[in-house]
Amino acid sequence: NGGTLLGGTGPTYMKASNVQGIIA
C-alpha cells in the first residue's frame, strides 16, 4: 500500500469496528 499502514498510530485495538473499517 505504498508503505501506508492501516490501523492506528497510538494504542489501537483490533476491535470489530476497526476490523470492519480495514475490510471496507
PDBML (XML) file of the C-alpha atoms, coordinates in Angstrom:
<?xml version="1.0" encoding="UTF-8" ?>
<PDBx:datablock datablockName="MODEL"
   xmlns:PDBx="http://pdbml.pdb.org/schema/pdbx-v50.xsd"
   xmlns:xsi="http://www.w3.org/2001/XMLSchema-instance"
   xsi:schemaLocation="http://pdbml.pdb.org/schema/pdbx-v50.xsd pdbx-v50.xsd">
   <PDBx:atom_siteCategory>
      <PDBx:atom_site id="1">
         <PDBx:B_iso_or_equiv>0.00</PDBx:B_iso_or_equiv>
         <PDBx:Cartn_x>0.000</PDBx:Cartn_x>
         <PDBx:Cartn_y>0.000</PDBx:Cartn_y>
         <PDBx:Cartn_z>0.000</PDBx:Cartn_z>
         <PDBx:auth_asym_id>A</PDBx:auth_asym_id>
         <PDBx:auth_atom_id>CA</PDBx:auth_atom_id>
         <PDBx:auth_comp_id>ASN</PDBx:auth_comp_id>
         <PDBx:auth_seq_id>1</PDBx:auth_seq_id>
         <PDBx:group_PDB>ATOM</PDBx:group_PDB>
         <PDBx:label_alt_id xsi:nil="true" />
         <PDBx:label_asym_id>A</PDBx:label_asym_id>
         <PDBx:label_atom_id>CA</PDBx:label_atom_id>
         <PDBx:label_comp_id>ASN</PDBx:label_comp_id>
         <PDBx:label_entity_id>1</PDBx:label_entity_id>
         <PDBx:label_seq_id>1</PDBx:label_seq_id>
         <PDBx:occupancy>1.00</PDBx:occupancy>
         <PDBx:pdbx_PDB_model_num>1</PDBx:pdbx_PDB_model_num>
         <PDBx:type_symbol>C</PDBx:type_symbol>
      </PDBx:atom_site>
      <PDBx:atom_site id="2">
         <PDBx:B_iso_or_equiv>0.00</PDBx:B_iso_or_equiv>
         <PDBx:Cartn_x>2.870</PDBx:Cartn_x>
         <PDBx:Cartn_y>2.338</PDBx:Cartn_y>
         <PDBx:Cartn_z>-0.769</PDBx:Cartn_z>
         <PDBx:auth_asym_id>A</PDBx:auth_asym_id>
         <PDBx:auth_atom_id>CA</PDBx:auth_atom_id>
         <PDBx:auth_comp_id>GLY</PDBx:auth_comp_id>
         <PDBx:auth_seq_id>2</PDBx:auth_seq_id>
         <PDBx:group_PDB>ATOM</PDBx:group_PDB>
         <PDBx:label_alt_id xsi:nil="true" />
         <PDBx:label_asym_id>A</PDBx:label_asym_id>
         <PDBx:label_atom_id>CA</PDBx:label_atom_id>
         <PDBx:label_comp_id>GLY</PDBx:label_comp_id>
         <PDBx:label_entity_id>1</PDBx:label_entity_id>
         <PDBx:label_seq_id>2</PDBx:label_seq_id>
         <PDBx:occupancy>1.00</PDBx:occupancy>
         <PDBx:pdbx_PDB_model_num>1</PDBx:pdbx_PDB_model_num>
         <PDBx:type_symbol>C</PDBx:type_symbol>
      </PDBx:atom_site>
      <PDBx:atom_site id="3">
         <PDBx:B_iso_or_equiv>0.00</PDBx:B_iso_or_equiv>
         <PDBx:Cartn_x>4.086</PDBx:Cartn_x>
         <PDBx:Cartn_y>1.963</PDBx:Cartn_y>
         <PDBx:Cartn_z>2.806</PDBx:Cartn_z>
         <PDBx:auth_asym_id>A</PDBx:auth_asym_id>
         <PDBx:auth_atom_id>CA</PDBx:auth_atom_id>
         <PDBx:auth_comp_id>GLY</PDBx:auth_comp_id>
         <PDBx:auth_seq_id>3</PDBx:auth_seq_id>
         <PDBx:group_PDB>ATOM</PDBx:group_PDB>
         <PDBx:label_alt_id xsi:nil="true" />
         <PDBx:label_asym_id>A</PDBx:label_asym_id>
         <PDBx:label_atom_id>CA</PDBx:label_atom_id>
         <PDBx:label_comp_id>GLY</PDBx:label_comp_id>
         <PDBx:label_entity_id>1</PDBx:label_entity_id>
         <PDBx:label_seq_id>3</PDBx:label_seq_id>
         <PDBx:occupancy>1.00</PDBx:occupancy>
         <PDBx:pdbx_PDB_model_num>1</PDBx:pdbx_PDB_model_num>
         <PDBx:type_symbol>C</PDBx:type_symbol>
      </PDBx:atom_site>
      <PDBx:atom_site id="4">
         <PDBx:B_iso_or_equiv>0.00</PDBx:B_iso_or_equiv>
         <PDBx:Cartn_x>0.877</PDBx:Cartn_x>
         <PDBx:Cartn_y>3.415</PDBx:Cartn_y>
         <PDBx:Cartn_z>4.278</PDBx:Cartn_z>
         <PDBx:auth_asym_id>A</PDBx:auth_asym_id>
         <PDBx:auth_atom_id>CA</PDBx:auth_atom_id>
         <PDBx:auth_comp_id>THR</PDBx:auth_comp_id>
         <PDBx:auth_seq_id>4</PDBx:auth_seq_id>
         <PDBx:group_PDB>ATOM</PDBx:group_PDB>
         <PDBx:label_alt_id xsi:nil="true" />
         <PDBx:label_asym_id>A</PDBx:label_asym_id>
         <PDBx:label_atom_id>CA</PDBx:label_atom_id>
         <PDBx:label_comp_id>THR</PDBx:label_comp_id>
         <PDBx:label_entity_id>1</PDBx:label_entity_id>
         <PDBx:label_seq_id>4</PDBx:label_seq_id>
         <PDBx:occupancy>1.00</PDBx:occupancy>
         <PDBx:pdbx_PDB_model_num>1</PDBx:pdbx_PDB_model_num>
         <PDBx:type_symbol>C</PDBx:type_symbol>
      </PDBx:atom_site>
      <PDBx:atom_site id="5">
         <PDBx:B_iso_or_equiv>0.00</PDBx:B_iso_or_equiv>
         <PDBx:Cartn_x>-0.296</PDBx:Cartn_x>
         <PDBx:Cartn_y>1.385</PDBx:Cartn_y>
         <PDBx:Cartn_z>7.253</PDBx:Cartn_z>
         <PDBx:auth_asym_id>A</PDBx:auth_asym_id>
         <PDBx:auth_atom_id>CA</PDBx:auth_atom_id>
         <PDBx:auth_comp_id>LEU</PDBx:auth_comp_id>
         <PDBx:auth_seq_id>5</PDBx:auth_seq_id>
         <PDBx:group_PDB>ATOM</PDBx:group_PDB>
         <PDBx:label_alt_id xsi:nil="true" />
         <PDBx:label_asym_id>A</PDBx:label_asym_id>
         <PDBx:label_atom_id>CA</PDBx:label_atom_id>
         <PDBx:label_comp_id>LEU</PDBx:label_comp_id>
         <PDBx:label_entity_id>1</PDBx:label_entity_id>
         <PDBx:label_seq_id>5</PDBx:label_seq_id>
         <PDBx:occupancy>1.00</PDBx:occupancy>
         <PDBx:pdbx_PDB_model_num>1</PDBx:pdbx_PDB_model_num>
         <PDBx:type_symbol>C</PDBx:type_symbol>
      </PDBx:atom_site>
      <PDBx:atom_site id="6">
         <PDBx:B_iso_or_equiv>0.00</PDBx:B_iso_or_equiv>
         <PDBx:Cartn_x>-3.912</PDBx:Cartn_x>
         <PDBx:Cartn_y>0.892</PDBx:Cartn_y>
         <PDBx:Cartn_z>8.245</PDBx:Cartn_z>
         <PDBx:auth_asym_id>A</PDBx:auth_asym_id>
         <PDBx:auth_atom_id>CA</PDBx:auth_atom_id>
         <PDBx:auth_comp_id>LEU</PDBx:auth_comp_id>
         <PDBx:auth_seq_id>6</PDBx:auth_seq_id>
         <PDBx:group_PDB>ATOM</PDBx:group_PDB>
         <PDBx:label_alt_id xsi:nil="true" />
         <PDBx:label_asym_id>A</PDBx:label_asym_id>
         <PDBx:label_atom_id>CA</PDBx:label_atom_id>
         <PDBx:label_comp_id>LEU</PDBx:label_comp_id>
         <PDBx:label_entity_id>1</PDBx:label_entity_id>
         <PDBx:label_seq_id>6</PDBx:label_seq_id>
         <PDBx:occupancy>1.00</PDBx:occupancy>
         <PDBx:pdbx_PDB_model_num>1</PDBx:pdbx_PDB_model_num>
         <PDBx:type_symbol>C</PDBx:type_symbol>
      </PDBx:atom_site>
      <PDBx:atom_site id="7">
         <PDBx:B_iso_or_equiv>0.00</PDBx:B_iso_or_equiv>
         <PDBx:Cartn_x>-4.887</PDBx:Cartn_x>
         <PDBx:Cartn_y>0.820</PDBx:Cartn_y>
         <PDBx:Cartn_z>11.910</PDBx:Cartn_z>
         <PDBx:auth_asym_id>A</PDBx:auth_asym_id>
         <PDBx:auth_atom_id>CA</PDBx:auth_atom_id>
         <PDBx:auth_comp_id>GLY</PDBx:auth_comp_id>
         <PDBx:auth_seq_id>7</PDBx:auth_seq_id>
         <PDBx:group_PDB>ATOM</PDBx:group_PDB>
         <PDBx:label_alt_id xsi:nil="true" />
         <PDBx:label_asym_id>A</PDBx:label_asym_id>
         <PDBx:label_atom_id>CA</PDBx:label_atom_id>
         <PDBx:label_comp_id>GLY</PDBx:label_comp_id>
         <PDBx:label_entity_id>1</PDBx:label_entity_id>
         <PDBx:label_seq_id>7</PDBx:label_seq_id>
         <PDBx:occupancy>1.00</PDBx:occupancy>
         <PDBx:pdbx_PDB_model_num>1</PDBx:pdbx_PDB_model_num>
         <PDBx:type_symbol>C</PDBx:type_symbol>
      </PDBx:atom_site>
      <PDBx:atom_site id="8">
         <PDBx:B_iso_or_equiv>0.00</PDBx:B_iso_or_equiv>
         <PDBx:Cartn_x>-3.790</PDBx:Cartn_x>
         <PDBx:Cartn_y>3.453</PDBx:Cartn_y>
         <PDBx:Cartn_z>14.407</PDBx:Cartn_z>
         <PDBx:auth_asym_id>A</PDBx:auth_asym_id>
         <PDBx:auth_atom_id>CA</PDBx:auth_atom_id>
         <PDBx:auth_comp_id>GLY</PDBx:auth_comp_id>
         <PDBx:auth_seq_id>8</PDBx:auth_seq_id>
         <PDBx:group_PDB>ATOM</PDBx:group_PDB>
         <PDBx:label_alt_id xsi:nil="true" />
         <PDBx:label_asym_id>A</PDBx:label_asym_id>
         <PDBx:label_atom_id>CA</PDBx:label_atom_id>
         <PDBx:label_comp_id>GLY</PDBx:label_comp_id>
         <PDBx:label_entity_id>1</PDBx:label_entity_id>
         <PDBx:label_seq_id>8</PDBx:label_seq_id>
         <PDBx:occupancy>1.00</PDBx:occupancy>
         <PDBx:pdbx_PDB_model_num>1</PDBx:pdbx_PDB_model_num>
         <PDBx:type_symbol>C</PDBx:type_symbol>
      </PDBx:atom_site>
      <PDBx:atom_site id="9">
         <PDBx:B_iso_or_equiv>0.00</PDBx:B_iso_or_equiv>
         <PDBx:Cartn_x>-0.708</PDBx:Cartn_x>
         <PDBx:Cartn_y>5.460</PDBx:Cartn_y>
         <PDBx:Cartn_z>15.281</PDBx:Cartn_z>
         <PDBx:auth_asym_id>A</PDBx:auth_asym_id>
         <PDBx:auth_atom_id>CA</PDBx:auth_atom_id>
         <PDBx:auth_comp_id>THR</PDBx:auth_comp_id>
         <PDBx:auth_seq_id>9</PDBx:auth_seq_id>
         <PDBx:group_PDB>ATOM</PDBx:group_PDB>
         <PDBx:label_alt_id xsi:nil="true" />
         <PDBx:label_asym_id>A</PDBx:label_asym_id>
         <PDBx:label_atom_id>CA</PDBx:label_atom_id>
         <PDBx:label_comp_id>THR</PDBx:label_comp_id>
         <PDBx:label_entity_id>1</PDBx:label_entity_id>
         <PDBx:label_seq_id>9</PDBx:label_seq_id>
         <PDBx:occupancy>1.00</PDBx:occupancy>
         <PDBx:pdbx_PDB_model_num>1</PDBx:pdbx_PDB_model_num>
         <PDBx:type_symbol>C</PDBx:type_symbol>
      </PDBx:atom_site>
      <PDBx:atom_site id="10">
         <PDBx:B_iso_or_equiv>0.00</PDBx:B_iso_or_equiv>
         <PDBx:Cartn_x>-1.317</PDBx:Cartn_x>
         <PDBx:Cartn_y>5.142</PDBx:Cartn_y>
         <PDBx:Cartn_z>19.023</PDBx:Cartn_z>
         <PDBx:auth_asym_id>A</PDBx:auth_asym_id>
         <PDBx:auth_atom_id>CA</PDBx:auth_atom_id>
         <PDBx:auth_comp_id>GLY</PDBx:auth_comp_id>
         <PDBx:auth_seq_id>10</PDBx:auth_seq_id>
         <PDBx:group_PDB>ATOM</PDBx:group_PDB>
         <PDBx:label_alt_id xsi:nil="true" />
         <PDBx:label_asym_id>A</PDBx:label_asym_id>
         <PDBx:label_atom_id>CA</PDBx:label_atom_id>
         <PDBx:label_comp_id>GLY</PDBx:label_comp_id>
         <PDBx:label_entity_id>1</PDBx:label_entity_id>
         <PDBx:label_seq_id>10</PDBx:label_seq_id>
         <PDBx:occupancy>1.00</PDBx:occupancy>
         <PDBx:pdbx_PDB_model_num>1</PDBx:pdbx_PDB_model_num>
         <PDBx:type_symbol>C</PDBx:type_symbol>
      </PDBx:atom_site>
      <PDBx:atom_site id="11">
         <PDBx:B_iso_or_equiv>0.00</PDBx:B_iso_or_equiv>
         <PDBx:Cartn_x>-2.748</PDBx:Cartn_x>
         <PDBx:Cartn_y>2.320</PDBx:Cartn_y>
         <PDBx:Cartn_z>21.120</PDBx:Cartn_z>
         <PDBx:auth_asym_id>A</PDBx:auth_asym_id>
         <PDBx:auth_atom_id>CA</PDBx:auth_atom_id>
         <PDBx:auth_comp_id>PRO</PDBx:auth_comp_id>
         <PDBx:auth_seq_id>11</PDBx:auth_seq_id>
         <PDBx:group_PDB>ATOM</PDBx:group_PDB>
         <PDBx:label_alt_id xsi:nil="true" />
         <PDBx:label_asym_id>A</PDBx:label_asym_id>
         <PDBx:label_atom_id>CA</PDBx:label_atom_id>
         <PDBx:label_comp_id>PRO</PDBx:label_comp_id>
         <PDBx:label_entity_id>1</PDBx:label_entity_id>
         <PDBx:label_seq_id>11</PDBx:label_seq_id>
         <PDBx:occupancy>1.00</PDBx:occupancy>
         <PDBx:pdbx_PDB_model_num>1</PDBx:pdbx_PDB_model_num>
         <PDBx:type_symbol>C</PDBx:type_symbol>
      </PDBx:atom_site>
      <PDBx:atom_site id="12">
         <PDBx:B_iso_or_equiv>0.00</PDBx:B_iso_or_equiv>
         <PDBx:Cartn_x>-5.362</PDBx:Cartn_x>
         <PDBx:Cartn_y>0.966</PDBx:Cartn_y>
         <PDBx:Cartn_z>18.692</PDBx:Cartn_z>
         <PDBx:auth_asym_id>A</PDBx:auth_asym_id>
         <PDBx:auth_atom_id>CA</PDBx:auth_atom_id>
         <PDBx:auth_comp_id>THR</PDBx:auth_comp_id>
         <PDBx:auth_seq_id>12</PDBx:auth_seq_id>
         <PDBx:group_PDB>ATOM</PDBx:group_PDB>
         <PDBx:label_alt_id xsi:nil="true" />
         <PDBx:label_asym_id>A</PDBx:label_asym_id>
         <PDBx:label_atom_id>CA</PDBx:label_atom_id>
         <PDBx:label_comp_id>THR</PDBx:label_comp_id>
         <PDBx:label_entity_id>1</PDBx:label_entity_id>
         <PDBx:label_seq_id>12</PDBx:label_seq_id>
         <PDBx:occupancy>1.00</PDBx:occupancy>
         <PDBx:pdbx_PDB_model_num>1</PDBx:pdbx_PDB_model_num>
         <PDBx:type_symbol>C</PDBx:type_symbol>
      </PDBx:atom_site>
      <PDBx:atom_site id="13">
         <PDBx:B_iso_or_equiv>0.00</PDBx:B_iso_or_equiv>
         <PDBx:Cartn_x>-7.029</PDBx:Cartn_x>
         <PDBx:Cartn_y>-2.341</PDBx:Cartn_y>
         <PDBx:Cartn_z>19.408</PDBx:Cartn_z>
         <PDBx:auth_asym_id>A</PDBx:auth_asym_id>
         <PDBx:auth_atom_id>CA</PDBx:auth_atom_id>
         <PDBx:auth_comp_id>TYR</PDBx:auth_comp_id>
         <PDBx:auth_seq_id>13</PDBx:auth_seq_id>
         <PDBx:group_PDB>ATOM</PDBx:group_PDB>
         <PDBx:label_alt_id xsi:nil="true" />
         <PDBx:label_asym_id>A</PDBx:label_asym_id>
         <PDBx:label_atom_id>CA</PDBx:label_atom_id>
         <PDBx:label_comp_id>TYR</PDBx:label_comp_id>
         <PDBx:label_entity_id>1</PDBx:label_entity_id>
         <PDBx:label_seq_id>13</PDBx:label_seq_id>
         <PDBx:occupancy>1.00</PDBx:occupancy>
         <PDBx:pdbx_PDB_model_num>1</PDBx:pdbx_PDB_model_num>
         <PDBx:type_symbol>C</PDBx:type_symbol>
      </PDBx:atom_site>
      <PDBx:atom_site id="14">
         <PDBx:B_iso_or_equiv>0.00</PDBx:B_iso_or_equiv>
         <PDBx:Cartn_x>-8.314</PDBx:Cartn_x>
         <PDBx:Cartn_y>-4.951</PDBx:Cartn_y>
         <PDBx:Cartn_z>16.997</PDBx:Cartn_z>
         <PDBx:auth_asym_id>A</PDBx:auth_asym_id>
         <PDBx:auth_atom_id>CA</PDBx:auth_atom_id>
         <PDBx:auth_comp_id>MET</PDBx:auth_comp_id>
         <PDBx:auth_seq_id>14</PDBx:auth_seq_id>
         <PDBx:group_PDB>ATOM</PDBx:group_PDB>
         <PDBx:label_alt_id xsi:nil="true" />
         <PDBx:label_asym_id>A</PDBx:label_asym_id>
         <PDBx:label_atom_id>CA</PDBx:label_atom_id>
         <PDBx:label_comp_id>MET</PDBx:label_comp_id>
         <PDBx:label_entity_id>1</PDBx:label_entity_id>
         <PDBx:label_seq_id>14</PDBx:label_seq_id>
         <PDBx:occupancy>1.00</PDBx:occupancy>
         <PDBx:pdbx_PDB_model_num>1</PDBx:pdbx_PDB_model_num>
         <PDBx:type_symbol>C</PDBx:type_symbol>
      </PDBx:atom_site>
      <PDBx:atom_site id="15">
         <PDBx:B_iso_or_equiv>0.00</PDBx:B_iso_or_equiv>
         <PDBx:Cartn_x>-11.953</PDBx:Cartn_x>
         <PDBx:Cartn_y>-4.183</PDBx:Cartn_y>
         <PDBx:Cartn_z>17.705</PDBx:Cartn_z>
         <PDBx:auth_asym_id>A</PDBx:auth_asym_id>
         <PDBx:auth_atom_id>CA</PDBx:auth_atom_id>
         <PDBx:auth_comp_id>LYS</PDBx:auth_comp_id>
         <PDBx:auth_seq_id>15</PDBx:auth_seq_id>
         <PDBx:group_PDB>ATOM</PDBx:group_PDB>
         <PDBx:label_alt_id xsi:nil="true" />
         <PDBx:label_asym_id>A</PDBx:label_asym_id>
         <PDBx:label_atom_id>CA</PDBx:label_atom_id>
         <PDBx:label_comp_id>LYS</PDBx:label_comp_id>
         <PDBx:label_entity_id>1</PDBx:label_entity_id>
         <PDBx:label_seq_id>15</PDBx:label_seq_id>
         <PDBx:occupancy>1.00</PDBx:occupancy>
         <PDBx:pdbx_PDB_model_num>1</PDBx:pdbx_PDB_model_num>
         <PDBx:type_symbol>C</PDBx:type_symbol>
      </PDBx:atom_site>
      <PDBx:atom_site id="16">
         <PDBx:B_iso_or_equiv>0.00</PDBx:B_iso_or_equiv>
         <PDBx:Cartn_x>-14.813</PDBx:Cartn_x>
         <PDBx:Cartn_y>-5.260</PDBx:Cartn_y>
         <PDBx:Cartn_z>15.477</PDBx:Cartn_z>
         <PDBx:auth_asym_id>A</PDBx:auth_asym_id>
         <PDBx:auth_atom_id>CA</PDBx:auth_atom_id>
         <PDBx:auth_comp_id>ALA</PDBx:auth_comp_id>
         <PDBx:auth_seq_id>16</PDBx:auth_seq_id>
         <PDBx:group_PDB>ATOM</PDBx:group_PDB>
         <PDBx:label_alt_id xsi:nil="true" />
         <PDBx:label_asym_id>A</PDBx:label_asym_id>
         <PDBx:label_atom_id>CA</PDBx:label_atom_id>
         <PDBx:label_comp_id>ALA</PDBx:label_comp_id>
         <PDBx:label_entity_id>1</PDBx:label_entity_id>
         <PDBx:label_seq_id>16</PDBx:label_seq_id>
         <PDBx:occupancy>1.00</PDBx:occupancy>
         <PDBx:pdbx_PDB_model_num>1</PDBx:pdbx_PDB_model_num>
         <PDBx:type_symbol>C</PDBx:type_symbol>
      </PDBx:atom_site>
      <PDBx:atom_site id="17">
         <PDBx:B_iso_or_equiv>0.00</PDBx:B_iso_or_equiv>
         <PDBx:Cartn_x>-15.337</PDBx:Cartn_x>
         <PDBx:Cartn_y>-1.700</PDBx:Cartn_y>
         <PDBx:Cartn_z>14.272</PDBx:Cartn_z>
         <PDBx:auth_asym_id>A</PDBx:auth_asym_id>
         <PDBx:auth_atom_id>CA</PDBx:auth_atom_id>
         <PDBx:auth_comp_id>SER</PDBx:auth_comp_id>
         <PDBx:auth_seq_id>17</PDBx:auth_seq_id>
         <PDBx:group_PDB>ATOM</PDBx:group_PDB>
         <PDBx:label_alt_id xsi:nil="true" />
         <PDBx:label_asym_id>A</PDBx:label_asym_id>
         <PDBx:label_atom_id>CA</PDBx:label_atom_id>
         <PDBx:label_comp_id>SER</PDBx:label_comp_id>
         <PDBx:label_entity_id>1</PDBx:label_entity_id>
         <PDBx:label_seq_id>17</PDBx:label_seq_id>
         <PDBx:occupancy>1.00</PDBx:occupancy>
         <PDBx:pdbx_PDB_model_num>1</PDBx:pdbx_PDB_model_num>
         <PDBx:type_symbol>C</PDBx:type_symbol>
      </PDBx:atom_site>
      <PDBx:atom_site id="18">
         <PDBx:B_iso_or_equiv>0.00</PDBx:B_iso_or_equiv>
         <PDBx:Cartn_x>-11.669</PDBx:Cartn_x>
         <PDBx:Cartn_y>-1.333</PDBx:Cartn_y>
         <PDBx:Cartn_z>13.328</PDBx:Cartn_z>
         <PDBx:auth_asym_id>A</PDBx:auth_asym_id>
         <PDBx:auth_atom_id>CA</PDBx:auth_atom_id>
         <PDBx:auth_comp_id>ASN</PDBx:auth_comp_id>
         <PDBx:auth_seq_id>18</PDBx:auth_seq_id>
         <PDBx:group_PDB>ATOM</PDBx:group_PDB>
         <PDBx:label_alt_id xsi:nil="true" />
         <PDBx:label_asym_id>A</PDBx:label_asym_id>
         <PDBx:label_atom_id>CA</PDBx:label_atom_id>
         <PDBx:label_comp_id>ASN</PDBx:label_comp_id>
         <PDBx:label_entity_id>1</PDBx:label_entity_id>
         <PDBx:label_seq_id>18</PDBx:label_seq_id>
         <PDBx:occupancy>1.00</PDBx:occupancy>
         <PDBx:pdbx_PDB_model_num>1</PDBx:pdbx_PDB_model_num>
         <PDBx:type_symbol>C</PDBx:type_symbol>
      </PDBx:atom_site>
      <PDBx:atom_site id="19">
         <PDBx:B_iso_or_equiv>0.00</PDBx:B_iso_or_equiv>
         <PDBx:Cartn_x>-11.618</PDBx:Cartn_x>
         <PDBx:Cartn_y>-4.668</PDBx:Cartn_y>
         <PDBx:Cartn_z>11.536</PDBx:Cartn_z>
         <PDBx:auth_asym_id>A</PDBx:auth_asym_id>
         <PDBx:auth_atom_id>CA</PDBx:auth_atom_id>
         <PDBx:auth_comp_id>VAL</PDBx:auth_comp_id>
         <PDBx:auth_seq_id>19</PDBx:auth_seq_id>
         <PDBx:group_PDB>ATOM</PDBx:group_PDB>
         <PDBx:label_alt_id xsi:nil="true" />
         <PDBx:label_asym_id>A</PDBx:label_asym_id>
         <PDBx:label_atom_id>CA</PDBx:label_atom_id>
         <PDBx:label_comp_id>VAL</PDBx:label_comp_id>
         <PDBx:label_entity_id>1</PDBx:label_entity_id>
         <PDBx:label_seq_id>19</PDBx:label_seq_id>
         <PDBx:occupancy>1.00</PDBx:occupancy>
         <PDBx:pdbx_PDB_model_num>1</PDBx:pdbx_PDB_model_num>
         <PDBx:type_symbol>C</PDBx:type_symbol>
      </PDBx:atom_site>
      <PDBx:atom_site id="20">
         <PDBx:B_iso_or_equiv>0.00</PDBx:B_iso_or_equiv>
         <PDBx:Cartn_x>-14.760</PDBx:Cartn_x>
         <PDBx:Cartn_y>-3.719</PDBx:Cartn_y>
         <PDBx:Cartn_z>9.623</PDBx:Cartn_z>
         <PDBx:auth_asym_id>A</PDBx:auth_asym_id>
         <PDBx:auth_atom_id>CA</PDBx:auth_atom_id>
         <PDBx:auth_comp_id>GLN</PDBx:auth_comp_id>
         <PDBx:auth_seq_id>20</PDBx:auth_seq_id>
         <PDBx:group_PDB>ATOM</PDBx:group_PDB>
         <PDBx:label_alt_id xsi:nil="true" />
         <PDBx:label_asym_id>A</PDBx:label_asym_id>
         <PDBx:label_atom_id>CA</PDBx:label_atom_id>
         <PDBx:label_comp_id>GLN</PDBx:label_comp_id>
         <PDBx:label_entity_id>1</PDBx:label_entity_id>
         <PDBx:label_seq_id>20</PDBx:label_seq_id>
         <PDBx:occupancy>1.00</PDBx:occupancy>
         <PDBx:pdbx_PDB_model_num>1</PDBx:pdbx_PDB_model_num>
         <PDBx:type_symbol>C</PDBx:type_symbol>
      </PDBx:atom_site>
      <PDBx:atom_site id="21">
         <PDBx:B_iso_or_equiv>0.00</PDBx:B_iso_or_equiv>
         <PDBx:Cartn_x>-13.016</PDBx:Cartn_x>
         <PDBx:Cartn_y>-0.480</PDBx:Cartn_y>
         <PDBx:Cartn_z>8.674</PDBx:Cartn_z>
         <PDBx:auth_asym_id>A</PDBx:auth_asym_id>
         <PDBx:auth_atom_id>CA</PDBx:auth_atom_id>
         <PDBx:auth_comp_id>GLY</PDBx:auth_comp_id>
         <PDBx:auth_seq_id>21</PDBx:auth_seq_id>
         <PDBx:group_PDB>ATOM</PDBx:group_PDB>
         <PDBx:label_alt_id xsi:nil="true" />
         <PDBx:label_asym_id>A</PDBx:label_asym_id>
         <PDBx:label_atom_id>CA</PDBx:label_atom_id>
         <PDBx:label_comp_id>GLY</PDBx:label_comp_id>
         <PDBx:label_entity_id>1</PDBx:label_entity_id>
         <PDBx:label_seq_id>21</PDBx:label_seq_id>
         <PDBx:occupancy>1.00</PDBx:occupancy>
         <PDBx:pdbx_PDB_model_num>1</PDBx:pdbx_PDB_model_num>
         <PDBx:type_symbol>C</PDBx:type_symbol>
      </PDBx:atom_site>
      <PDBx:atom_site id="22">
         <PDBx:B_iso_or_equiv>0.00</PDBx:B_iso_or_equiv>
         <PDBx:Cartn_x>-9.922</PDBx:Cartn_x>
         <PDBx:Cartn_y>-2.137</PDBx:Cartn_y>
         <PDBx:Cartn_z>7.221</PDBx:Cartn_z>
         <PDBx:auth_asym_id>A</PDBx:auth_asym_id>
         <PDBx:auth_atom_id>CA</PDBx:auth_atom_id>
         <PDBx:auth_comp_id>ILE</PDBx:auth_comp_id>
         <PDBx:auth_seq_id>22</PDBx:auth_seq_id>
         <PDBx:group_PDB>ATOM</PDBx:group_PDB>
         <PDBx:label_alt_id xsi:nil="true" />
         <PDBx:label_asym_id>A</PDBx:label_asym_id>
         <PDBx:label_atom_id>CA</PDBx:label_atom_id>
         <PDBx:label_comp_id>ILE</PDBx:label_comp_id>
         <PDBx:label_entity_id>1</PDBx:label_entity_id>
         <PDBx:label_seq_id>22</PDBx:label_seq_id>
         <PDBx:occupancy>1.00</PDBx:occupancy>
         <PDBx:pdbx_PDB_model_num>1</PDBx:pdbx_PDB_model_num>
         <PDBx:type_symbol>C</PDBx:type_symbol>
      </PDBx:atom_site>
      <PDBx:atom_site id="23">
         <PDBx:B_iso_or_equiv>0.00</PDBx:B_iso_or_equiv>
         <PDBx:Cartn_x>-12.052</PDBx:Cartn_x>
         <PDBx:Cartn_y>-4.695</PDBx:Cartn_y>
         <PDBx:Cartn_z>5.368</PDBx:Cartn_z>
         <PDBx:auth_asym_id>A</PDBx:auth_asym_id>
         <PDBx:auth_atom_id>CA</PDBx:auth_atom_id>
         <PDBx:auth_comp_id>ILE</PDBx:auth_comp_id>
         <PDBx:auth_seq_id>23</PDBx:auth_seq_id>
         <PDBx:group_PDB>ATOM</PDBx:group_PDB>
         <PDBx:label_alt_id xsi:nil="true" />
         <PDBx:label_asym_id>A</PDBx:label_asym_id>
         <PDBx:label_atom_id>CA</PDBx:label_atom_id>
         <PDBx:label_comp_id>ILE</PDBx:label_comp_id>
         <PDBx:label_entity_id>1</PDBx:label_entity_id>
         <PDBx:label_seq_id>23</PDBx:label_seq_id>
         <PDBx:occupancy>1.00</PDBx:occupancy>
         <PDBx:pdbx_PDB_model_num>1</PDBx:pdbx_PDB_model_num>
         <PDBx:type_symbol>C</PDBx:type_symbol>
      </PDBx:atom_site>
      <PDBx:atom_site id="24">
         <PDBx:B_iso_or_equiv>0.00</PDBx:B_iso_or_equiv>
         <PDBx:Cartn_x>-14.154</PDBx:Cartn_x>
         <PDBx:Cartn_y>-1.881</PDBx:Cartn_y>
         <PDBx:Cartn_z>3.897</PDBx:Cartn_z>
         <PDBx:auth_asym_id>A</PDBx:auth_asym_id>
         <PDBx:auth_atom_id>CA</PDBx:auth_atom_id>
         <PDBx:auth_comp_id>ALA</PDBx:auth_comp_id>
         <PDBx:auth_seq_id>24</PDBx:auth_seq_id>
         <PDBx:group_PDB>ATOM</PDBx:group_PDB>
         <PDBx:label_alt_id xsi:nil="true" />
         <PDBx:label_asym_id>A</PDBx:label_asym_id>
         <PDBx:label_atom_id>CA</PDBx:label_atom_id>
         <PDBx:label_comp_id>ALA</PDBx:label_comp_id>
         <PDBx:label_entity_id>1</PDBx:label_entity_id>
         <PDBx:label_seq_id>24</PDBx:label_seq_id>
         <PDBx:occupancy>1.00</PDBx:occupancy>
         <PDBx:pdbx_PDB_model_num>1</PDBx:pdbx_PDB_model_num>
         <PDBx:type_symbol>C</PDBx:type_symbol>
      </PDBx:atom_site>
   </PDBx:atom_siteCategory>
</PDBx:datablock>
